[in-house]
């Protein structure tokens, strides 16, 4: 579980299923992790469960698919915005 005060960088919800995306800085660079949960009501109290029934599987799959796409969009944006070290090179010309 995450430390208190930490918040996911993005959340995807389908019905009562949630995929939370967490950002972790490691020695190898930025990494993303995903946790999933299912909300349910116990009387007047909302609780989270970490197991899923048959009716939860399609929303879970959709949430995970969207989380996967979001992470890859972030990775592509980071690659496109990071310097590659080839700014001084000319393209398309021969010396």
PDB file of N, CA and C in Angstrom:
ATOM      1  N   UNK A   1       0.828  -1.186   0.000  1.00  0.00           N
ATOM      2  CA  UNK A   1       0.000   0.000   0.000  1.00  0.00           C
ATOM      3  C   UNK A   1       0.875   1.253   0.000  1.00  0.00           C
ATOM      4  N   UNK A   2       0.295   2.328  -0.440  1.00  0.00           N
ATOM      5  CA  UNK A   2       1.012   3.600  -0.502  1.00  0.00           C
ATOM      6  C   UNK A   2       1.049   4.247   0.871  1.00  0.00           C
ATOM      7  N   UNK A   3       2.062   5.068   1.077  1.00  0.00           N
ATOM      8  CA  UNK A   3       2.155   5.819   2.322  1.00  0.00           C
ATOM      9  C   UNK A   3       1.044   6.850   2.361  1.00  0.00           C
ATOM     10  N   UNK A   4       0.596   7.209   3.555  1.00  0.00           N
ATOM     11  CA  UNK A   4      -0.449   8.215   3.621  1.00  0.00           C
ATOM     12  C   UNK A   4       0.106   9.534   3.111  1.00  0.00           C
ATOM     13  N   UNK A   5      -0.710  10.266   2.387  1.00  0.00           N
ATOM     14  CA  UNK A   5      -0.256  11.508   1.780  1.00  0.00           C
ATOM     15  C   UNK A   5       0.106  11.325   0.322  1.00  0.00           C
ATOM     16  N   UNK A   6       0.472  10.104  -0.071  1.00  0.00           N
ATOM     17  CA  UNK A   6       0.732   9.827  -1.480  1.00  0.00           C
ATOM     18  C   UNK A   6      -0.597   9.712  -2.201  1.00  0.00           C
ATOM     19  N   UNK A   7      -0.626  10.235  -3.426  1.00  0.00           N
ATOM     20  CA  UNK A   7      -1.835  10.152  -4.225  1.00  0.00           C
ATOM     21  C   UNK A   7      -1.487   9.611  -5.591  1.00  0.00           C
ATOM     22  N   UNK A   8      -2.409   8.871  -6.193  1.00  0.00           N
ATOM     23  CA  UNK A   8      -2.133   8.402  -7.548  1.00  0.00           C
ATOM     24  C   UNK A   8      -2.034   9.583  -8.509  1.00  0.00           C
ATOM     25  N   UNK A   9      -1.275   9.416  -9.591  1.00  0.00           N
ATOM     26  CA  UNK A   9      -1.149  10.473 -10.590  1.00  0.00           C
ATOM     27  C   UNK A   9      -2.334  10.470 -11.538  1.00  0.00           C
ATOM     28  N   UNK A  10      -3.057   9.353 -11.589  1.00  0.00           N
ATOM     29  CA  UNK A  10      -4.226   9.260 -12.459  1.00  0.00           C
ATOM     30  C   UNK A  10      -5.105   8.116 -11.958  1.00  0.00           C
ATOM     31  N   UNK A  11      -6.415   8.254 -12.143  1.00  0.00           N
ATOM     32  CA  UNK A  11      -7.350   7.190 -11.787  1.00  0.00           C
ATOM     33  C   UNK A  11      -8.303   6.951 -12.948  1.00  0.00           C
ATOM     34  N   UNK A  12      -8.653   5.700 -13.137  1.00  0.00           N
ATOM     35  CA  UNK A  12      -9.635   5.313 -14.150  1.00  0.00           C
ATOM     36  C   UNK A  12     -10.743   4.569 -13.426  1.00  0.00           C
ATOM     37  N   UNK A  13     -11.986   4.975 -13.681  1.00  0.00           N
ATOM     38  CA  UNK A  13     -13.127   4.322 -13.039  1.00  0.00           C
ATOM     39  C   UNK A  13     -14.118   3.825 -14.083  1.00  0.00           C
ATOM     40  N   UNK A  14     -14.602   2.642 -13.848  1.00  0.00           N
ATOM     41  CA  UNK A  14     -15.732   2.078 -14.571  1.00  0.00           C
ATOM     42  C   UNK A  14     -16.650   1.482 -13.516  1.00  0.00           C
ATOM     43  N   UNK A  15     -17.848   2.083 -13.410  1.00  0.00           N
ATOM     44  CA  UNK A  15     -18.800   1.671 -12.375  1.00  0.00           C
ATOM     45  C   UNK A  15     -18.115   1.719 -11.009  1.00  0.00           C
ATOM     46  N   UNK A  16     -18.067   0.602 -10.336  1.00  0.00           N
ATOM     47  CA  UNK A  16     -17.491   0.572  -8.986  1.00  0.00           C
ATOM     48  C   UNK A  16     -16.043   0.061  -8.973  1.00  0.00           C
ATOM     49  N   UNK A  17     -15.427  -0.050 -10.146  1.00  0.00           N
ATOM     50  CA  UNK A  17     -14.051  -0.549 -10.253  1.00  0.00           C
ATOM     51  C   UNK A  17     -13.117   0.624 -10.546  1.00  0.00           C
ATOM     52  N   UNK A  18     -11.986   0.645  -9.859  1.00  0.00           N
ATOM     53  CA  UNK A  18     -11.026   1.733 -10.041  1.00  0.00           C
ATOM     54  C   UNK A  18      -9.629   1.170 -10.254  1.00  0.00           C
ATOM     55  N   UNK A  19      -8.919   1.757 -11.229  1.00  0.00           N
ATOM     56  CA  UNK A  19      -7.491   1.496 -11.423  1.00  0.00           C
ATOM     57  C   UNK A  19      -6.765   2.787 -11.077  1.00  0.00           C
ATOM     58  N   UNK A  20      -5.899   2.731 -10.095  1.00  0.00           N
ATOM     59  CA  UNK A  20      -5.117   3.899  -9.673  1.00  0.00           C
ATOM     60  C   UNK A  20      -3.692   3.733 -10.174  1.00  0.00           C
ATOM     61  N   UNK A  21      -3.176   4.780 -10.827  1.00  0.00           N
ATOM     62  CA  UNK A  21      -1.826   4.745 -11.378  1.00  0.00           C
ATOM     63  C   UNK A  21      -0.911   5.556 -10.469  1.00  0.00           C
ATOM     64  N   UNK A  22       0.178   4.932 -10.053  1.00  0.00           N
ATOM     65  CA  UNK A  22       1.128   5.534  -9.130  1.00  0.00           C
ATOM     66  C   UNK A  22       2.448   5.781  -9.843  1.00  0.00           C
ATOM     67  N   UNK A  23       3.087   6.885  -9.517  1.00  0.00           N
ATOM     68  CA  UNK A  23       4.378   7.242 -10.094  1.00  0.00           C
ATOM     69  C   UNK A  23       5.460   6.948  -9.065  1.00  0.00           C
ATOM     70  N   UNK A  24       6.491   6.229  -9.499  1.00  0.00           N
ATOM     71  CA  UNK A  24       7.608   5.898  -8.620  1.00  0.00           C
ATOM     72  C   UNK A  24       8.905   6.294  -9.297  1.00  0.00           C
ATOM     73  N   UNK A  25       9.742   7.037  -8.594  1.00  0.00           N
ATOM     74  CA  UNK A  25      11.066   7.397  -9.091  1.00  0.00           C
ATOM     75  C   UNK A  25      12.044   6.352  -8.575  1.00  0.00           C
ATOM     76  N   UNK A  26      12.757   5.719  -9.507  1.00  0.00           N
ATOM     77  CA  UNK A  26      13.728   4.696  -9.134  1.00  0.00           C
ATOM     78  C   UNK A  26      15.089   5.061  -9.706  1.00  0.00           C
ATOM     79  N   UNK A  27      16.094   4.303  -9.348  1.00  0.00           N
ATOM     80  CA  UNK A  27      17.442   4.526  -9.881  1.00  0.00           C
ATOM     81  C   UNK A  27      17.464   4.333 -11.395  1.00  0.00           C
ATOM     82  N   UNK A  28      16.528   3.559 -11.918  1.00  0.00           N
ATOM     83  CA  UNK A  28      16.452   3.319 -13.362  1.00  0.00           C
ATOM     84  C   UNK A  28      15.518   4.292 -14.065  1.00  0.00           C
ATOM     85  N   UNK A  29      14.966   5.248 -13.342  1.00  0.00           N
ATOM     86  CA  UNK A  29      14.068   6.234 -13.941  1.00  0.00           C
ATOM     87  C   UNK A  29      12.658   6.133 -13.399  1.00  0.00           C
ATOM     88  N   UNK A  30      11.764   6.777 -14.096  1.00  0.00           N
ATOM     89  CA  UNK A  30      10.367   6.827 -13.676  1.00  0.00           C
ATOM     90  C   UNK A  30       9.669   5.512 -14.014  1.00  0.00           C
ATOM     91  N   UNK A  31       8.930   4.996 -13.060  1.00  0.00           N
ATOM     92  CA  UNK A  31       8.159   3.767 -13.242  1.00  0.00           C
ATOM     93  C   UNK A  31       6.720   4.045 -12.836  1.00  0.00           C
ATOM     94  N   UNK A  32       5.797   3.337 -13.434  1.00  0.00           N
ATOM     95  CA  UNK A  32       4.388   3.426 -13.067  1.00  0.00           C
ATOM     96  C   UNK A  32       3.938   2.072 -12.532  1.00  0.00           C
ATOM     97  N   UNK A  33       3.092   2.113 -11.527  1.00  0.00           N
ATOM     98  CA  UNK A  33       2.451   0.916 -10.994  1.00  0.00           C
ATOM     99  C   UNK A  33       0.954   1.171 -10.955  1.00  0.00           C
ATOM    100  N   UNK A  34       0.184   0.106 -11.033  1.00  0.00           N
ATOM    101  CA  UNK A  34      -1.272   0.219 -11.026  1.00  0.00           C
ATOM    102  C   UNK A  34      -1.835  -0.671  -9.931  1.00  0.00           C
ATOM    103  N   UNK A  35      -2.735  -0.099  -9.139  1.00  0.00           N
ATOM    104  CA  UNK A  35      -3.485  -0.882  -8.168  1.00  0.00           C
ATOM    105  C   UNK A  35      -4.948  -0.836  -8.565  1.00  0.00           C
ATOM    106  N   UNK A  36      -5.680  -1.895  -8.264  1.00  0.00           N
ATOM    107  CA  UNK A  36      -7.099  -1.956  -8.604  1.00  0.00           C
ATOM    108  C   UNK A  36      -7.919  -2.238  -7.352  1.00  0.00           C
ATOM    109  N   UNK A  37      -9.115  -1.701  -7.346  1.00  0.00           N
ATOM    110  CA  UNK A  37     -10.012  -1.938  -6.219  1.00  0.00           C
ATOM    111  C   UNK A  37     -11.458  -1.879  -6.706  1.00  0.00           C
ATOM    112  N   UNK A  38     -12.341  -2.387  -5.869  1.00  0.00           N
ATOM    113  CA  UNK A  38     -13.776  -2.381  -6.141  1.00  0.00           C
ATOM    114  C   UNK A  38     -14.464  -1.766  -4.932  1.00  0.00           C
ATOM    115  N   UNK A  39     -15.267  -0.751  -5.169  1.00  0.00           N
ATOM    116  CA  UNK A  39     -16.000  -0.095  -4.082  1.00  0.00           C
ATOM    117  C   UNK A  39     -17.333  -0.799  -3.865  1.00  0.00           C
ATOM    118  N   UNK A  40     -17.728  -0.900  -2.610  1.00  0.00           N
ATOM    119  CA  UNK A  40     -19.040  -1.440  -2.295  1.00  0.00           C
ATOM    120  C   UNK A  40     -19.541  -0.768  -1.023  1.00  0.00           C
ATOM    121  N   UNK A  41     -20.835  -0.835  -0.860  1.00  0.00           N
ATOM    122  CA  UNK A  41     -21.459  -0.192   0.295  1.00  0.00           C
ATOM    123  C   UNK A  41     -21.839  -1.240   1.321  1.00  0.00           C
ATOM    124  N   UNK A  42     -21.441  -0.990   2.554  1.00  0.00           N
ATOM    125  CA  UNK A  42     -21.792  -1.848   3.684  1.00  0.00           C
ATOM    126  C   UNK A  42     -22.642  -0.999   4.616  1.00  0.00           C
ATOM    127  N   UNK A  43     -23.949  -1.073   4.456  1.00  0.00           N
ATOM    128  CA  UNK A  43     -24.841  -0.182   5.200  1.00  0.00           C
ATOM    129  C   UNK A  43     -24.681   1.228   4.661  1.00  0.00           C
ATOM    130  N   UNK A  44     -24.259   2.142   5.493  1.00  0.00           N
ATOM    131  CA  UNK A  44     -24.035   3.536   5.088  1.00  0.00           C
ATOM    132  C   UNK A  44     -22.566   3.831   4.796  1.00  0.00           C
ATOM    133  N   UNK A  45     -21.720   2.822   4.943  1.00  0.00           N
ATOM    134  CA  UNK A  45     -20.282   3.017   4.790  1.00  0.00           C
ATOM    135  C   UNK A  45     -19.790   2.448   3.467  1.00  0.00           C
ATOM    136  N   UNK A  46     -18.970   3.238   2.746  1.00  0.00           N
ATOM    137  CA  UNK A  46     -18.329   2.764   1.525  1.00  0.00           C
ATOM    138  C   UNK A  46     -17.009   2.103   1.893  1.00  0.00           C
ATOM    139  N   UNK A  47     -16.759   0.938   1.313  1.00  0.00           N
ATOM    140  CA  UNK A  47     -15.531   0.186   1.562  1.00  0.00           C
ATOM    141  C   UNK A  47     -14.904  -0.221   0.233  1.00  0.00           C
ATOM    142  N   UNK A  48     -13.659  -0.652   0.287  1.00  0.00           N
ATOM    143  CA  UNK A  48     -12.953  -1.147  -0.887  1.00  0.00           C
ATOM    144  C   UNK A  48     -12.639  -2.620  -0.716  1.00  0.00           C
ATOM    145  N   UNK A  49     -12.757  -3.355  -1.813  1.00  0.00           N
ATOM    146  CA  UNK A  49     -12.367  -4.764  -1.852  1.00  0.00           C
ATOM    147  C   UNK A  49     -11.344  -4.920  -2.968  1.00  0.00           C
ATOM    148  N   UNK A  50     -10.590  -5.991  -2.887  1.00  0.00           N
ATOM    149  CA  UNK A  50      -9.528  -6.224  -3.858  1.00  0.00           C
ATOM    150  C   UNK A  50      -9.709  -7.567  -4.563  1.00  0.00           C
ATOM    151  N   UNK A  51     -10.931  -8.062  -4.521  1.00  0.00           N
ATOM    152  CA  UNK A  51     -11.298  -9.249  -5.301  1.00  0.00           C
ATOM    153  C   UNK A  51     -12.489  -8.851  -6.168  1.00  0.00           C
ATOM    154  N   UNK A  52     -12.694  -9.598  -7.240  1.00  0.00           N
ATOM    155  CA  UNK A  52     -13.662  -9.197  -8.250  1.00  0.00           C
ATOM    156  C   UNK A  52     -14.526 -10.376  -8.645  1.00  0.00           C
ATOM    157  N   UNK A  53     -15.813 -10.107  -8.811  1.00  0.00           N
ATOM    158  CA  UNK A  53     -16.747 -11.130  -9.267  1.00  0.00           C
ATOM    159  C   UNK A  53     -16.898 -11.074 -10.773  1.00  0.00           C
ATOM    160  N   UNK A  54     -17.651 -12.009 -11.325  1.00  0.00           N
ATOM    161  CA  UNK A  54     -17.830 -12.060 -12.772  1.00  0.00           C
ATOM    162  C   UNK A  54     -18.364 -10.752 -13.379  1.00  0.00           C
ATOM    163  N   UNK A  55     -19.263 -10.072 -12.705  1.00  0.00           N
ATOM    164  CA  UNK A  55     -19.824  -8.825 -13.230  1.00  0.00           C
ATOM    165  C   UNK A  55     -18.799  -7.685 -13.224  1.00  0.00           C
ATOM    166  N   UNK A  56     -17.725  -7.838 -12.459  1.00  0.00           N
ATOM    167  CA  UNK A  56     -16.690  -6.799 -12.372  1.00  0.00           C
ATOM    168  C   UNK A  56     -15.605  -6.963 -13.428  1.00  0.00           C
ATOM    169  N   UNK A  57     -15.539  -8.100 -14.076  1.00  0.00           N
ATOM    170  CA  UNK A  57     -14.390  -8.402 -14.931  1.00  0.00           C
ATOM    171  C   UNK A  57     -14.296  -7.516 -16.168  1.00  0.00           C
ATOM    172  N   UNK A  58     -15.400  -7.244 -16.842  1.00  0.00           N
ATOM    173  CA  UNK A  58     -15.325  -6.377 -18.017  1.00  0.00           C
ATOM    174  C   UNK A  58     -14.963  -4.946 -17.619  1.00  0.00           C
ATOM    175  N   UNK A  59     -15.616  -4.349 -16.599  1.00  0.00           N
ATOM    176  CA  UNK A  59     -15.177  -3.007 -16.175  1.00  0.00           C
ATOM    177  C   UNK A  59     -13.713  -2.997 -15.719  1.00  0.00           C
ATOM    178  N   UNK A  60     -13.270  -4.056 -15.081  1.00  0.00           N
ATOM    179  CA  UNK A  60     -11.867  -4.150 -14.654  1.00  0.00           C
ATOM    180  C   UNK A  60     -10.941  -4.179 -15.871  1.00  0.00           C
ATOM    181  N   UNK A  61     -11.292  -4.985 -16.866  1.00  0.00           N
ATOM    182  CA  UNK A  61     -10.473  -5.063 -18.075  1.00  0.00           C
ATOM    183  C   UNK A  61     -10.426  -3.713 -18.786  1.00  0.00           C
ATOM    184  N   UNK A  62     -11.563  -3.023 -18.858  1.00  0.00           N
ATOM    185  CA  UNK A  62     -11.604  -1.715 -19.509  1.00  0.00           C
ATOM    186  C   UNK A  62     -10.761  -0.703 -18.738  1.00  0.00           C
ATOM    187  N   UNK A  63     -10.844  -0.725 -17.414  1.00  0.00           N
ATOM    188  CA  UNK A  63     -10.055   0.202 -16.598  1.00  0.00           C
ATOM    189  C   UNK A  63      -8.561  -0.071 -16.770  1.00  0.00           C
ATOM    190  N   UNK A  64      -8.175  -1.335 -16.796  1.00  0.00           N
ATOM    191  CA  UNK A  64      -6.764  -1.678 -16.973  1.00  0.00           C
ATOM    192  C   UNK A  64      -6.277  -1.309 -18.370  1.00  0.00           C
ATOM    193  N   UNK A  65      -7.114  -1.505 -19.376  1.00  0.00           N
ATOM    194  CA  UNK A  65      -6.739  -1.127 -20.738  1.00  0.00           C
ATOM    195  C   UNK A  65      -6.517   0.384 -20.825  1.00  0.00           C
ATOM    196  N   UNK A  66      -7.428   1.153 -20.227  1.00  0.00           N
ATOM    197  CA  UNK A  66      -7.274   2.610 -20.248  1.00  0.00           C
ATOM    198  C   UNK A  66      -6.049   3.045 -19.445  1.00  0.00           C
ATOM    199  N   UNK A  67      -5.776   2.382 -18.324  1.00  0.00           N
ATOM    200  CA  UNK A  67      -4.585   2.700 -17.531  1.00  0.00           C
ATOM    201  C   UNK A  67      -3.327   2.414 -18.348  1.00  0.00           C
ATOM    202  N   UNK A  68      -3.305   1.306 -19.047  1.00  0.00           N
ATOM    203  CA  UNK A  68      -2.179   0.942 -19.900  1.00  0.00           C
ATOM    204  C   UNK A  68      -1.951   2.014 -20.959  1.00  0.00           C
ATOM    205  N   UNK A  69      -3.014   2.448 -21.626  1.00  0.00           N
ATOM    206  CA  UNK A  69      -2.901   3.490 -22.658  1.00  0.00           C
ATOM    207  C   UNK A  69      -2.388   4.794 -22.067  1.00  0.00           C
ATOM    208  N   UNK A  70      -2.892   5.180 -20.896  1.00  0.00           N
ATOM    209  CA  UNK A  70      -2.479   6.438 -20.262  1.00  0.00           C
ATOM    210  C   UNK A  70      -0.993   6.396 -19.935  1.00  0.00           C
ATOM    211  N   UNK A  71      -0.541   5.278 -19.379  1.00  0.00           N
ATOM    212  CA  UNK A  71       0.879   5.154 -19.025  1.00  0.00           C
ATOM    213  C   UNK A  71       1.748   5.274 -20.274  1.00  0.00           C
ATOM    214  N   UNK A  72       1.360   4.606 -21.344  1.00  0.00           N
ATOM    215  CA  UNK A  72       2.169   4.667 -22.566  1.00  0.00           C
ATOM    216  C   UNK A  72       2.146   6.054 -23.186  1.00  0.00           C
ATOM    217  N   UNK A  73       1.048   6.781 -23.068  1.00  0.00           N
ATOM    218  CA  UNK A  73       1.011   8.172 -23.536  1.00  0.00           C
ATOM    219  C   UNK A  73       1.983   9.030 -22.729  1.00  0.00           C
ATOM    220  N   UNK A  74       2.040   8.806 -21.422  1.00  0.00           N
ATOM    221  CA  UNK A  74       2.961   9.567 -20.573  1.00  0.00           C
ATOM    222  C   UNK A  74       4.403   9.246 -20.918  1.00  0.00           C
ATOM    223  N   UNK A  75       4.685   7.979 -21.165  1.00  0.00           N
ATOM    224  CA  UNK A  75       6.046   7.569 -21.514  1.00  0.00           C
ATOM    225  C   UNK A  75       6.460   8.173 -22.856  1.00  0.00           C
ATOM    226  N   UNK A  76       5.541   8.187 -23.820  1.00  0.00           N
ATOM    227  CA  UNK A  76       5.854   8.766 -25.129  1.00  0.00           C
ATOM    228  C   UNK A  76       6.079  10.266 -25.009  1.00  0.00           C
ATOM    229  N   UNK A  77       5.267  10.943 -24.220  1.00  0.00           N
ATOM    230  CA  UNK A  77       5.437  12.383 -24.027  1.00  0.00           C
ATOM    231  C   UNK A  77       6.774  12.682 -23.364  1.00  0.00           C
ATOM    232  N   UNK A  78       7.167  11.856 -22.396  1.00  0.00           N
ATOM    233  CA  UNK A  78       8.453  12.056 -21.714  1.00  0.00           C
ATOM    234  C   UNK A  78       9.610  11.838 -22.688  1.00  0.00           C
ATOM    235  N   UNK A  79       9.495  10.830 -23.540  1.00  0.00           N
ATOM    236  CA  UNK A  79      10.547  10.578 -24.535  1.00  0.00           C
ATOM    237  C   UNK A  79      10.651  11.741 -25.515  1.00  0.00           C
ATOM    238  N   UNK A  80       9.512  12.266 -25.946  1.00  0.00           N
ATOM    239  CA  UNK A  80       9.502  13.354 -26.927  1.00  0.00           C
ATOM    240  C   UNK A  80       9.988  14.671 -26.349  1.00  0.00           C
ATOM    241  N   UNK A  81       9.843  14.857 -25.040  1.00  0.00           N
ATOM    242  CA  UNK A  81      10.257  16.126 -24.438  1.00  0.00           C
ATOM    243  C   UNK A  81      11.666  16.084 -23.860  1.00  0.00           C
ATOM    244  N   UNK A  82      12.266  14.898 -23.758  1.00  0.00           N
ATOM    245  CA  UNK A  82      13.606  14.816 -23.185  1.00  0.00           C
ATOM    246  C   UNK A  82      14.642  15.062 -24.273  1.00  0.00           C
ATOM    247  N   UNK A  83      15.723  15.768 -23.906  1.00  0.00           N
ATOM    248  CA  UNK A  83      16.780  16.017 -24.895  1.00  0.00           C
ATOM    249  C   UNK A  83      17.458  14.709 -25.281  1.00  0.00           C
ATOM    250  N   UNK A  84      17.701  14.542 -26.559  1.00  0.00           N
ATOM    251  CA  UNK A  84      18.327  13.316 -27.052  1.00  0.00           C
ATOM    252  C   UNK A  84      19.819  13.484 -27.264  1.00  0.00           C
ATOM    253  N   UNK A  85      20.277  14.709 -27.191  1.00  0.00           N
ATOM    254  CA  UNK A  85      21.694  14.928 -27.418  1.00  0.00           C
ATOM    255  C   UNK A  85      22.028  15.107 -28.880  1.00  0.00           C
ATOM    256  N   UNK A  86      21.006  15.233 -29.758  1.00  0.00           N
ATOM    257  CA  UNK A  86      21.301  15.386 -31.179  1.00  0.00           C
ATOM    258  C   UNK A  86      20.822  16.740 -31.714  1.00  0.00           C
ATOM    259  N   UNK A  87      20.636  17.714 -30.818  1.00  0.00           N
ATOM    260  CA  UNK A  87      20.152  19.013 -31.257  1.00  0.00           C
ATOM    261  C   UNK A  87      21.127  19.712 -32.207  1.00  0.00           C
ATOM    262  N   UNK A  88      22.407  19.464 -32.048  1.00  0.00           N
ATOM    263  CA  UNK A  88      23.399  20.146 -32.880  1.00  0.00           C
ATOM    264  C   UNK A  88      23.608  19.500 -34.234  1.00  0.00           C
ATOM    265  N   UNK A  89      23.005  18.329 -34.443  1.00  0.00           N
ATOM    266  CA  UNK A  89      23.187  17.621 -35.708  1.00  0.00           C
ATOM    267  C   UNK A  89      22.259  18.172 -36.779  1.00  0.00           C
ATOM    268  N   UNK A  90      22.752  18.161 -37.979  1.00  0.00           N
ATOM    269  CA  UNK A  90      21.922  18.537 -39.114  1.00  0.00           C
ATOM    270  C   UNK A  90      21.402  17.276 -39.748  1.00  0.00           C
ATOM    271  N   UNK A  91      20.166  17.303 -40.154  1.00  0.00           N
ATOM    272  CA  UNK A  91      19.597  16.114 -40.799  1.00  0.00           C
ATOM    273  C   UNK A  91      19.438  16.382 -42.280  1.00  0.00           C
ATOM    274  N   UNK A  92      19.573  15.363 -43.061  1.00  0.00           N
ATOM    275  CA  UNK A  92      19.343  15.455 -44.492  1.00  0.00           C
ATOM    276  C   UNK A  92      20.470  16.058 -45.300  1.00  0.00           C
ATOM    277  N   UNK A  93      21.580  16.366 -44.679  1.00  0.00           N
ATOM    278  CA  UNK A  93      22.696  16.926 -45.443  1.00  0.00           C
ATOM    279  C   UNK A  93      23.938  16.089 -45.214  1.00  0.00           C
ATOM    280  N   UNK A  94      24.771  16.043 -46.222  1.00  0.00           N
ATOM    281  CA  UNK A  94      26.022  15.295 -46.128  1.00  0.00           C
ATOM    282  C   UNK A  94      27.173  16.266 -46.054  1.00  0.00           C
ATOM    283  N   UNK A  95      28.171  15.932 -45.245  1.00  0.00           N
ATOM    284  CA  UNK A  95      29.346  16.801 -45.093  1.00  0.00           C
ATOM    285  C   UNK A  95      30.496  16.266 -45.871  1.00  0.00           C
TER     286      UNK A  95
END
